[in-house]
Protein backbone atom coordinates (compact mmCIF):
# COMPACT_ATOMS: atom_id res chain seq x y z
CA MET A 1 35.70 27.80 -29.46
CA SER A 2 33.45 26.86 -32.38
CA LYS A 3 29.96 28.32 -32.79
CA ASP A 4 28.51 24.82 -32.88
CA TYR A 5 30.05 24.00 -29.52
CA GLN A 6 28.94 27.31 -28.00
CA LYS A 7 25.42 26.62 -29.17
CA LYS A 8 25.54 23.09 -27.75
CA THR A 9 26.90 24.10 -24.35
CA ALA A 10 24.39 26.93 -24.09
CA TRP A 11 21.58 24.44 -24.65
CA THR A 12 22.91 21.81 -22.24
CA SER A 13 23.45 24.38 -19.48
CA ARG A 14 19.67 24.78 -19.31
CA THR A 15 18.97 21.03 -19.13
CA ALA A 16 18.69 20.75 -15.36
CA ASP A 17 15.83 19.78 -13.08
CA PRO A 18 14.38 22.24 -10.51
CA ALA A 19 16.90 21.01 -7.93
CA GLY A 20 19.79 21.99 -10.21
CA LYS A 21 20.78 18.42 -11.01
CA PRO A 22 21.89 18.01 -14.65
CA VAL A 23 19.76 15.82 -16.88
CA PRO A 24 21.14 13.60 -19.64
CA VAL A 25 21.84 15.04 -23.07
CA ILE A 26 19.69 13.35 -25.73
CA PRO A 27 21.53 13.08 -29.06
CA ASP A 28 19.45 13.87 -32.15
CA VAL A 29 20.68 10.77 -33.99
CA VAL A 30 22.31 7.56 -32.71
CA SER A 31 23.87 4.97 -35.01
CA VAL A 32 23.43 1.37 -33.89
CA ALA A 33 26.09 -1.15 -34.86
CA MET A 34 23.95 -4.03 -36.10
CA ASP A 35 26.85 -6.49 -36.16
CA GLU A 36 27.05 -6.20 -32.37
CA ILE A 37 23.45 -7.29 -31.89
CA ALA A 38 23.15 -9.75 -34.80
CA ALA A 39 23.56 -12.67 -32.39
CA ASP A 40 20.51 -11.47 -30.44
CA VAL A 41 18.15 -11.92 -33.39
CA ARG A 42 17.50 -15.58 -32.66
CA GLU A 43 16.71 -14.74 -29.00
CA GLY A 44 13.80 -12.46 -29.81
CA LEU A 45 12.88 -8.83 -30.17
CA LEU A 46 13.49 -7.96 -26.50
CA ALA A 47 17.10 -9.15 -26.71
CA ILE A 48 17.63 -7.00 -29.81
CA ALA A 49 16.06 -4.01 -28.07
CA VAL A 50 18.34 -4.46 -25.06
CA GLY A 51 21.44 -4.64 -27.24
CA ALA A 52 20.41 -1.52 -29.13
CA GLY A 53 19.47 0.23 -25.89
CA LEU A 54 22.93 -0.33 -24.40
CA GLN A 55 24.45 1.28 -27.48
CA VAL A 56 22.08 4.24 -27.16
CA MET A 57 23.07 4.61 -23.50
CA ALA A 58 26.75 4.66 -24.48
CA ALA A 59 25.99 7.41 -27.02
CA MET A 60 24.14 9.41 -24.36
CA MET A 61 27.08 9.14 -21.96
CA ALA A 62 29.42 10.31 -24.75
CA ALA A 63 27.11 13.27 -25.42
CA ASP A 64 27.18 14.16 -21.70
CA VAL A 65 30.97 14.09 -21.74
CA ASP A 66 31.04 16.34 -24.83
CA ALA A 67 28.70 18.77 -23.09
CA LEU A 68 31.06 18.97 -20.09
CA CYS A 69 34.45 18.86 -21.84
CA GLY A 70 33.74 19.98 -25.38
CA PRO A 71 34.13 17.95 -28.59
CA ARG A 72 37.04 15.52 -28.59
CA GLY A 73 40.12 16.86 -30.38
CA ARG A 74 39.15 20.54 -30.10
CA HIS A 75 41.20 22.28 -27.45
CA ASP A 76 39.28 24.80 -25.38
CA PRO A 77 41.27 26.83 -22.83
CA ASP A 78 38.04 27.88 -21.06
CA ARG A 79 36.61 24.42 -20.53
CA GLY A 80 35.56 23.49 -17.03
CA ALA A 81 36.30 19.76 -17.18
CA THR A 82 38.57 17.24 -18.86
CA ARG A 83 38.16 13.61 -19.86
CA HIS A 84 39.70 11.18 -17.42
CA GLY A 85 39.37 7.79 -19.12
CA SER A 86 36.78 5.22 -18.04
CA GLU A 87 36.19 2.58 -15.42
CA ALA A 88 33.96 -0.40 -14.74
CA GLY A 89 30.40 0.39 -13.73
CA SER A 90 26.95 -1.16 -13.83
CA VAL A 91 23.42 -0.11 -14.73
CA THR A 92 20.00 -1.45 -13.84
CA LEU A 93 18.21 -3.55 -16.45
CA GLY A 94 14.85 -4.85 -15.26
CA GLY A 95 15.59 -6.78 -12.07
CA ARG A 96 19.33 -7.19 -12.61
CA ARG A 97 22.57 -5.22 -12.83
CA VAL A 98 24.53 -5.21 -16.10
CA PRO A 99 28.24 -4.31 -16.26
CA VAL A 100 29.23 -1.37 -18.51
CA ARG A 101 32.21 0.93 -19.03
CA ARG A 102 31.44 4.39 -17.75
CA PRO A 103 33.40 7.50 -18.78
CA ARG A 104 35.07 9.68 -16.18
CA VAL A 105 35.28 13.48 -16.16
CA ARG A 106 37.29 15.64 -13.78
CA ALA A 107 36.86 19.33 -13.02
CA VAL A 108 39.67 21.68 -14.08
CA ASP A 109 39.16 24.04 -11.13
CA GLU A 110 41.47 23.02 -8.30
CA ALA A 111 39.15 24.70 -5.78
CA VAL A 112 36.41 22.11 -6.39
CA ALA A 113 36.21 19.81 -3.37
CA SER A 114 35.47 16.70 -5.42
CA LYS A 115 37.10 16.89 -8.83
CA GLU A 116 35.17 13.87 -10.14
CA MET A 117 32.08 15.13 -11.99
CA PRO A 118 28.92 13.03 -12.42
CA ILE A 119 27.76 11.86 -15.84
CA ALA A 120 24.03 12.62 -15.88
CA SER A 121 22.98 9.70 -18.09
CA TYR A 122 25.01 7.17 -16.09
CA GLU A 123 23.54 8.49 -12.84
CA ALA A 124 20.04 8.06 -14.30
CA PHE A 125 20.61 4.50 -15.51
CA SER A 126 22.58 3.26 -12.50
CA GLY A 127 19.88 3.99 -9.90
CA THR A 128 18.76 1.01 -7.83
CA GLU A 129 15.14 2.03 -7.11
CA VAL A 130 13.91 -0.23 -9.91
CA LEU A 131 15.69 -3.20 -8.33
CA GLY A 132 13.82 -2.69 -5.07
CA ARG A 133 10.45 -2.37 -6.80
CA LYS A 134 11.14 -5.45 -8.91
CA ALA A 135 12.13 -7.53 -5.89
CA LEU A 136 8.98 -6.41 -4.05
CA GLU A 137 6.75 -7.24 -7.02
CA GLN A 138 8.30 -10.66 -7.57
CA MET A 139 8.17 -11.68 -3.92
CA LEU A 140 4.59 -10.49 -3.44
CA ALA A 141 3.66 -12.42 -6.58
CA GLY A 142 4.82 -15.62 -4.89
CA LEU A 143 8.33 -16.12 -6.28
CA SER A 144 10.93 -17.17 -3.74
CA THR A 145 14.38 -15.59 -3.57
CA ARG A 146 15.81 -18.77 -5.12
CA ARG A 147 13.47 -18.56 -8.11
CA TYR A 148 13.68 -14.80 -8.60
CA HIS A 149 15.44 -15.19 -11.94
CA VAL A 150 12.45 -17.08 -13.36
CA GLY A 151 10.42 -13.88 -13.39
CA LEU A 152 13.02 -11.82 -15.23
CA GLU A 153 12.72 -10.82 -18.88
CA PRO A 154 14.68 -12.81 -21.50
CA VAL A 155 17.28 -10.20 -22.49
CA GLY A 156 19.77 -12.46 -24.27
CA GLU A 157 22.27 -15.10 -23.20
CA GLN A 158 25.25 -12.79 -23.02
CA ILE A 159 23.49 -10.17 -20.89
CA THR A 160 22.06 -12.89 -18.64
CA ALA A 161 25.51 -14.44 -18.15
CA GLU A 162 27.09 -11.09 -17.29
CA SER A 163 24.29 -9.77 -15.07
CA THR A 164 24.59 -9.58 -11.28
CA SER A 165 22.43 -8.81 -8.22
CA THR A 166 20.14 -11.81 -8.76
CA SER A 167 21.45 -14.02 -5.96
CA LYS A 168 19.23 -15.19 -3.12
CA SER A 169 20.94 -12.95 -0.57
CA ALA A 170 20.85 -9.87 -2.84
CA ILE A 171 17.14 -10.30 -3.49
CA SER A 172 16.46 -10.83 0.21
CA ARG A 173 18.30 -7.64 1.15
CA ARG A 174 16.45 -5.60 -1.45
CA PHE A 175 13.09 -7.03 -0.42
CA VAL A 176 13.71 -6.24 3.25
CA LYS A 177 14.68 -2.69 2.34
CA ALA A 178 11.62 -2.27 0.09
CA THR A 179 9.20 -3.60 2.74
CA GLU A 180 10.80 -1.41 5.40
CA ALA A 181 10.12 1.56 3.13
CA ALA A 182 6.52 0.35 2.62
CA LEU A 183 6.00 0.09 6.40
CA SER A 184 7.50 3.54 6.94
CA ASP A 185 5.32 5.07 4.22
CA LEU A 186 2.18 3.48 5.64
CA MET A 187 2.84 4.51 9.23
CA SER A 188 4.00 8.05 8.48
CA ALA A 189 1.37 9.09 5.94
CA ASP A 190 -0.42 12.34 6.81
CA LEU A 191 -4.09 11.59 7.57
CA SER A 192 -5.24 15.17 8.16
CA GLY A 193 -6.87 15.34 4.73
CA LEU A 194 -9.01 12.22 5.20
CA ASP A 195 -12.71 12.64 5.87
CA LEU A 196 -13.66 9.21 7.21
CA VAL A 197 -17.27 8.13 7.38
CA ALA A 198 -16.62 4.47 8.19
CA PHE A 199 -13.81 2.63 9.97
CA MET A 200 -12.90 -1.04 10.26
CA VAL A 201 -10.25 -2.80 12.31
CA ASP A 202 -9.33 -6.50 12.43
CA GLY A 203 -6.37 -8.81 12.96
CA VAL A 204 -4.27 -10.97 10.66
CA HIS A 205 -2.17 -13.84 12.07
CA PHE A 206 1.35 -14.62 10.86
CA ALA A 207 2.60 -17.69 12.75
CA GLY A 208 2.77 -16.54 16.40
CA HIS A 209 2.32 -12.87 15.58
CA VAL A 210 -0.91 -10.88 15.35
CA CYS A 211 -1.01 -7.75 13.23
CA VAL A 212 -4.00 -5.51 13.87
CA VAL A 213 -4.83 -3.55 10.71
CA ALA A 214 -7.14 -0.59 10.15
CA LEU A 215 -9.10 0.41 7.06
CA GLY A 216 -10.97 3.64 6.48
CA ILE A 217 -13.73 4.55 4.03
CA THR A 218 -13.81 8.22 3.07
CA ILE A 219 -16.86 10.33 2.24
CA ASP A 220 -16.23 9.79 -1.49
CA GLY A 221 -16.13 5.99 -1.12
CA THR A 222 -12.36 5.47 -1.28
CA LYS A 223 -10.98 2.62 0.84
CA VAL A 224 -7.72 3.63 2.54
CA PRO A 225 -5.33 1.27 4.42
CA LEU A 226 -4.50 3.26 7.55
CA ALA A 227 -2.10 1.48 9.89
CA VAL A 228 -0.84 -1.80 11.33
CA GLU A 229 0.31 -2.78 14.83
CA GLU A 230 1.93 -6.04 15.95
CA GLY A 231 1.25 -7.96 19.15
CA SER A 232 0.37 -11.38 20.52
CA THR A 233 -3.42 -10.92 20.75
CA GLU A 234 -6.09 -8.46 19.61
CA ASN A 235 -6.27 -6.80 23.04
CA ALA A 236 -7.62 -3.35 23.85
CA THR A 237 -4.16 -1.91 24.55
CA LEU A 238 -2.87 -2.88 21.11
CA VAL A 239 -5.92 -1.55 19.27
CA THR A 240 -5.95 1.65 21.32
CA SER A 241 -2.30 2.22 20.45
CA LEU A 242 -3.12 1.79 16.78
CA ILE A 243 -6.04 4.24 16.81
CA VAL A 244 -4.18 6.79 18.94
CA GLY A 245 -1.42 6.65 16.35
CA LEU A 246 -3.98 7.55 13.69
CA ARG A 247 -5.09 10.54 15.73
CA GLU A 248 -1.50 11.70 16.19
CA ARG A 249 -1.00 11.53 12.42
CA GLY A 250 -3.82 14.01 11.93
CA LEU A 251 -6.93 11.84 11.59
CA ASP A 252 -10.03 13.78 12.65
CA VAL A 253 -11.68 11.71 15.39
CA THR A 254 -14.25 14.35 16.32
CA LYS A 255 -16.70 13.59 13.50
CA PRO A 256 -19.26 10.79 13.83
CA VAL A 257 -17.94 7.59 12.25
CA LEU A 258 -19.47 4.17 11.68
CA ALA A 259 -17.15 1.58 13.23
CA VAL A 260 -17.83 -1.86 11.74
CA LEU A 261 -16.32 -4.54 14.01
CA ASP A 262 -16.37 -8.31 14.29
CA GLY A 263 -17.77 -8.36 17.83
CA SER A 264 -14.52 -8.29 19.80
CA LYS A 265 -15.01 -6.39 23.05
CA ALA A 266 -11.40 -5.20 22.93
CA LEU A 267 -11.94 -3.57 19.55
CA ALA A 268 -15.17 -1.90 20.68
CA ARG A 269 -13.54 -0.58 23.86
CA ALA A 270 -10.61 0.90 21.95
CA VAL A 271 -12.85 2.58 19.38
CA ASN A 272 -15.01 4.12 22.11
CA ASP A 273 -11.93 5.36 23.97
CA VAL A 274 -10.36 7.21 21.04
CA PHE A 275 -13.16 8.35 18.72
CA ASP A 276 -15.38 11.11 20.08
CA HIS A 277 -18.62 9.96 18.44
CA PRO A 278 -18.36 6.38 17.18
CA VAL A 279 -21.47 4.48 16.14
CA LEU A 280 -20.74 0.78 16.53
CA ALA A 281 -21.99 -1.81 14.06
CA ARG A 282 -21.45 -5.54 14.52
CA CYS A 283 -20.64 -7.68 11.51
CA GLN A 284 -23.77 -9.68 10.70
CA LEU A 285 -21.81 -12.48 9.03
CA HIS A 286 -19.72 -13.01 12.17
CA LYS A 287 -22.90 -13.16 14.24
CA ILE A 288 -24.45 -15.75 11.91
CA ARG A 289 -21.30 -17.89 12.07
CA ASN A 290 -21.17 -17.65 15.87
CA VAL A 291 -24.76 -18.85 16.19
CA ARG A 292 -24.28 -21.62 13.60
CA ASP A 293 -21.29 -22.98 15.52
CA ARG A 294 -23.53 -23.61 18.53
CA LEU A 295 -26.16 -25.57 16.64
CA PRO A 296 -26.34 -29.15 15.35
CA GLU A 297 -25.89 -29.63 11.62
CA LYS A 298 -29.61 -30.19 10.91
CA LEU A 299 -30.60 -26.77 12.33
CA ARG A 300 -27.80 -24.60 10.94
CA THR A 301 -29.27 -23.94 7.50
CA VAL A 302 -32.74 -23.12 8.83
CA VAL A 303 -31.47 -20.72 11.51
CA GLU A 304 -29.08 -19.03 9.12
CA ARG A 305 -31.87 -18.48 6.60
CA ARG A 306 -34.11 -16.90 9.24
CA MET A 307 -31.31 -14.65 10.51
CA ARG A 308 -30.45 -13.43 7.01
CA ALA A 309 -34.11 -12.70 6.33
CA ALA A 310 -34.36 -10.71 9.56
CA TYR A 311 -31.26 -8.66 8.72
CA HIS A 312 -32.90 -7.69 5.43
CA ALA A 313 -36.20 -6.63 7.03
CA GLU A 314 -37.68 -3.23 6.21
CA THR A 315 -37.07 -1.74 9.66
CA ALA A 316 -34.76 -2.39 12.60
CA LEU A 317 -37.77 -2.93 14.90
CA THR A 318 -39.12 -5.67 12.64
CA ALA A 319 -35.70 -7.32 12.44
CA GLN A 320 -35.24 -7.20 16.21
CA ALA A 321 -38.67 -8.75 16.80
CA GLU A 322 -37.91 -11.62 14.40
CA LEU A 323 -34.50 -12.30 15.94
CA GLU A 324 -35.81 -12.22 19.50
CA ALA A 325 -38.56 -14.65 18.51
CA LEU A 326 -35.91 -16.95 17.04
CA ALA A 327 -33.86 -16.71 20.23
CA ALA A 328 -36.92 -17.58 22.31
CA GLU A 329 -37.44 -20.72 20.21
CA LEU A 330 -33.82 -21.77 20.78
CA ASP A 331 -33.86 -21.07 24.54
CA LYS A 332 -34.85 -24.57 25.69
CA THR A 333 -33.09 -26.79 23.18
CA HIS A 334 -29.96 -24.73 22.45
CA PRO A 335 -29.49 -22.01 25.09
CA GLY A 336 -25.91 -21.31 24.00
CA ALA A 337 -27.04 -20.39 20.50
CA ALA A 338 -29.87 -18.26 21.91
CA ALA A 339 -27.46 -16.36 24.18
CA SER A 340 -25.07 -15.81 21.30
CA LEU A 341 -27.92 -14.45 19.17
CA ARG A 342 -29.02 -11.99 21.86
CA GLU A 343 -25.47 -10.80 22.65
CA GLY A 344 -24.89 -7.44 20.95
CA LEU A 345 -28.17 -7.76 19.03
CA PRO A 346 -28.84 -3.98 18.72
CA GLU A 347 -25.37 -3.38 17.25
CA THR A 348 -25.96 -5.98 14.53
CA LEU A 349 -28.95 -3.87 13.44
CA THR A 350 -27.11 -0.52 13.34
CA VAL A 351 -26.91 -0.43 9.54
CA LEU A 352 -30.63 -1.12 9.30
CA ARG A 353 -31.46 1.42 12.00
CA LEU A 354 -29.52 4.16 10.20
CA GLY A 355 -31.60 3.64 7.07
CA ILE A 356 -28.58 3.07 4.82
CA ALA A 357 -29.39 2.43 1.15
CA PRO A 358 -29.25 -1.29 0.23
CA THR A 359 -26.29 -0.92 -2.19
CA LEU A 360 -24.17 0.73 0.50
CA ALA A 361 -25.54 -1.47 3.28
CA ARG A 362 -24.18 -4.49 1.41
CA THR A 363 -20.67 -3.18 2.12
CA LEU A 364 -21.22 -1.98 5.69
CA ARG A 365 -23.27 -4.83 7.14
CA SER A 366 -20.09 -6.94 7.40
CA THR A 367 -16.32 -6.62 7.73
CA ASN A 368 -15.76 -8.12 4.28
CA ALA A 369 -13.96 -4.97 3.06
CA ILE A 370 -11.15 -5.28 5.59
CA GLU A 371 -11.12 -9.07 5.41
CA SER A 372 -10.53 -8.76 1.68
CA MET A 373 -7.46 -6.66 2.42
CA ILE A 374 -6.30 -9.19 5.02
CA GLU A 375 -6.75 -12.03 2.53
CA ILE A 376 -4.50 -10.21 0.08
CA CYS A 377 -1.87 -9.91 2.83
CA ARG A 378 -2.12 -13.64 3.54
CA GLU A 379 -1.97 -14.53 -0.15
CA HIS A 380 1.23 -12.56 -0.66
CA ALA A 381 2.86 -14.13 2.40
CA LYS A 382 1.72 -17.71 1.80
CA ASN A 383 5.21 -18.93 0.79
CA VAL A 384 6.92 -17.63 3.94
CA LYS A 385 7.86 -20.59 6.14
CA ASN A 386 10.15 -18.99 8.71
CA TRP A 387 8.73 -15.96 10.54
CA LYS A 388 11.74 -14.55 12.37
CA ASP A 389 10.21 -11.78 14.44
CA GLY A 390 7.39 -9.29 14.78
CA GLN A 391 9.14 -6.74 12.60
CA MET A 392 9.10 -9.20 9.72
CA ALA A 393 5.36 -9.72 10.21
CA LEU A 394 4.83 -5.94 10.19
CA ARG A 395 6.83 -5.55 6.97
CA TRP A 396 4.87 -8.24 5.14
CA ALA A 397 1.54 -6.92 6.42
CA ALA A 398 2.36 -3.35 5.36
CA ALA A 399 3.51 -4.47 1.90
CA GLY A 400 0.32 -6.49 1.46
CA MET A 401 -1.87 -3.58 2.61
CA ILE A 402 -0.24 -1.17 0.15
CA GLU A 403 -0.62 -3.72 -2.63
CA ALA A 404 -4.28 -4.19 -1.67
CA GLY A 405 -4.74 -0.41 -1.79
CA LYS A 406 -3.71 -0.45 -5.43
CA GLN A 407 -6.50 -2.93 -6.20
CA PHE A 408 -9.27 -1.16 -4.30
CA ARG A 409 -12.23 0.38 -6.05
CA ARG A 410 -14.73 2.74 -4.52
CA VAL A 411 -17.36 1.01 -2.40
CA ASN A 412 -20.71 0.11 -3.91
CA GLY A 413 -23.29 2.78 -3.21
CA HIS A 414 -20.69 5.45 -2.49
CA LEU A 415 -23.14 8.13 -3.65
CA HIS A 416 -25.16 7.42 -0.48
CA LEU A 417 -22.26 8.16 1.88
CA PRO A 418 -23.26 11.82 2.48
CA ALA A 419 -26.67 10.51 3.57
CA LEU A 420 -24.89 8.10 5.91
CA ARG A 421 -22.94 11.02 7.41
CA ALA A 422 -26.23 12.84 8.07
CA ALA A 423 -27.72 9.70 9.65
CA LEU A 424 -24.66 9.29 11.89
CA GLU A 425 -24.92 12.91 13.04
CA ALA A 426 -28.60 12.40 13.85
CA GLU A 427 -27.77 9.20 15.76
CA VAL A 428 -25.16 11.01 17.82
CA ARG A 429 -27.56 13.82 18.65
CA LYS A 430 -30.02 11.26 20.01
CA THR A 431 -27.46 9.59 22.27
CA VAL A 432 -25.71 12.71 23.59
CA ALA A 433 -27.50 14.05 26.67
CA PRO A 434 -28.35 17.77 26.53
CA VAL A 435 -26.27 20.04 28.74
CA VAL A 436 -28.32 21.89 31.38
CA HIS A 437 -26.92 25.30 32.35
CA ASP A 438 -27.49 27.13 35.69
CA GLU A 439 -29.37 29.96 34.02
CA ASP A 440 -31.83 27.45 32.53
CA ILE A 441 -32.53 26.07 35.99
CA ASN A 442 -33.06 29.56 37.46
CA ALA A 443 -35.39 30.49 34.61
CA ALA A 444 -37.43 27.39 35.29
């Protein structure tokens, strides 16, 4: 055995990842046959790069074979593998599969259960994870399975003609698999490390299906998509199931949390049932819309202006006085609007009562944060015309929530969240009745 080969095999034997899986050998120098890619020049730089890249991949596979079997033409009685020709294979290129010839290597040792040995570089390039990610990205961007090829990179006419895995059915299968993985990741994520200070829950409708989604805001201002449940309506059972699932995944429900809701009694009941110390806040924008809908057109602007001014008052007492005065004015002419205004009035003033800083209050006085996430889910699913079942709705909702999570920034006024936590703890202390022990009664 030559010294050069000994040196080479000694180096390659150390090129393995922590799991013991061999990694590709990287040749120091690779010669590219320019005549093979000359036709790609007129198709642009990317086509040239692809042609050259395929040649580099072939050189890497040859280097892997040399590392396993030794240099071609040099007999080595101690070698552990032999060359065994080649066969048709394929590698992933962007969002397509490209056919290649892959070398084969067989182990010399007869005791090896599977004599076929993997070629590290081929294993690296033939993985299909990129295909799933590409299908997910293209579909969420609004491309249909029939137009998937429109979003692919121009890699040259020959490569395009030879490529596979771009059919409508292939893309559909990959997208289903990718969204199933997204749903699994979302619903199995460990929540024990989250320190939530605010919580929002709302529903998104996909045809006849309702997906209830939950969003959390941590003490450092990070918005975190938490979970999704599918049902026919936003009932208390469905929402309770969703929140109980969060608790079972490790979410700490013992700390005080600000629950910002749209006014649904089912949502409020579920939050109170599962969280130990929730402080409920009603979305002020929902309340304004509810009152507007019960008024004639000529009064809507005036009433809305007065309600917004009240919600921005200096104290909760001042705001409540202004809103009750407005309700009294509406009692005779529009009793429905007056009743709507009074319903849940204290909860619409929770943010003001807690003394939250204006920059942070802008985020927490409404459910806009979770509605923004829901809008992203709807936008990604806008081209879906045939909703087959609830599982499909869950997959699309989960994919949209994860995509929304990538776009989130920390909430405005996040530096005031520790002060909000202190205010929530003080609020809970006021509402929890003191426990009277027998010895206290005897002492009295």
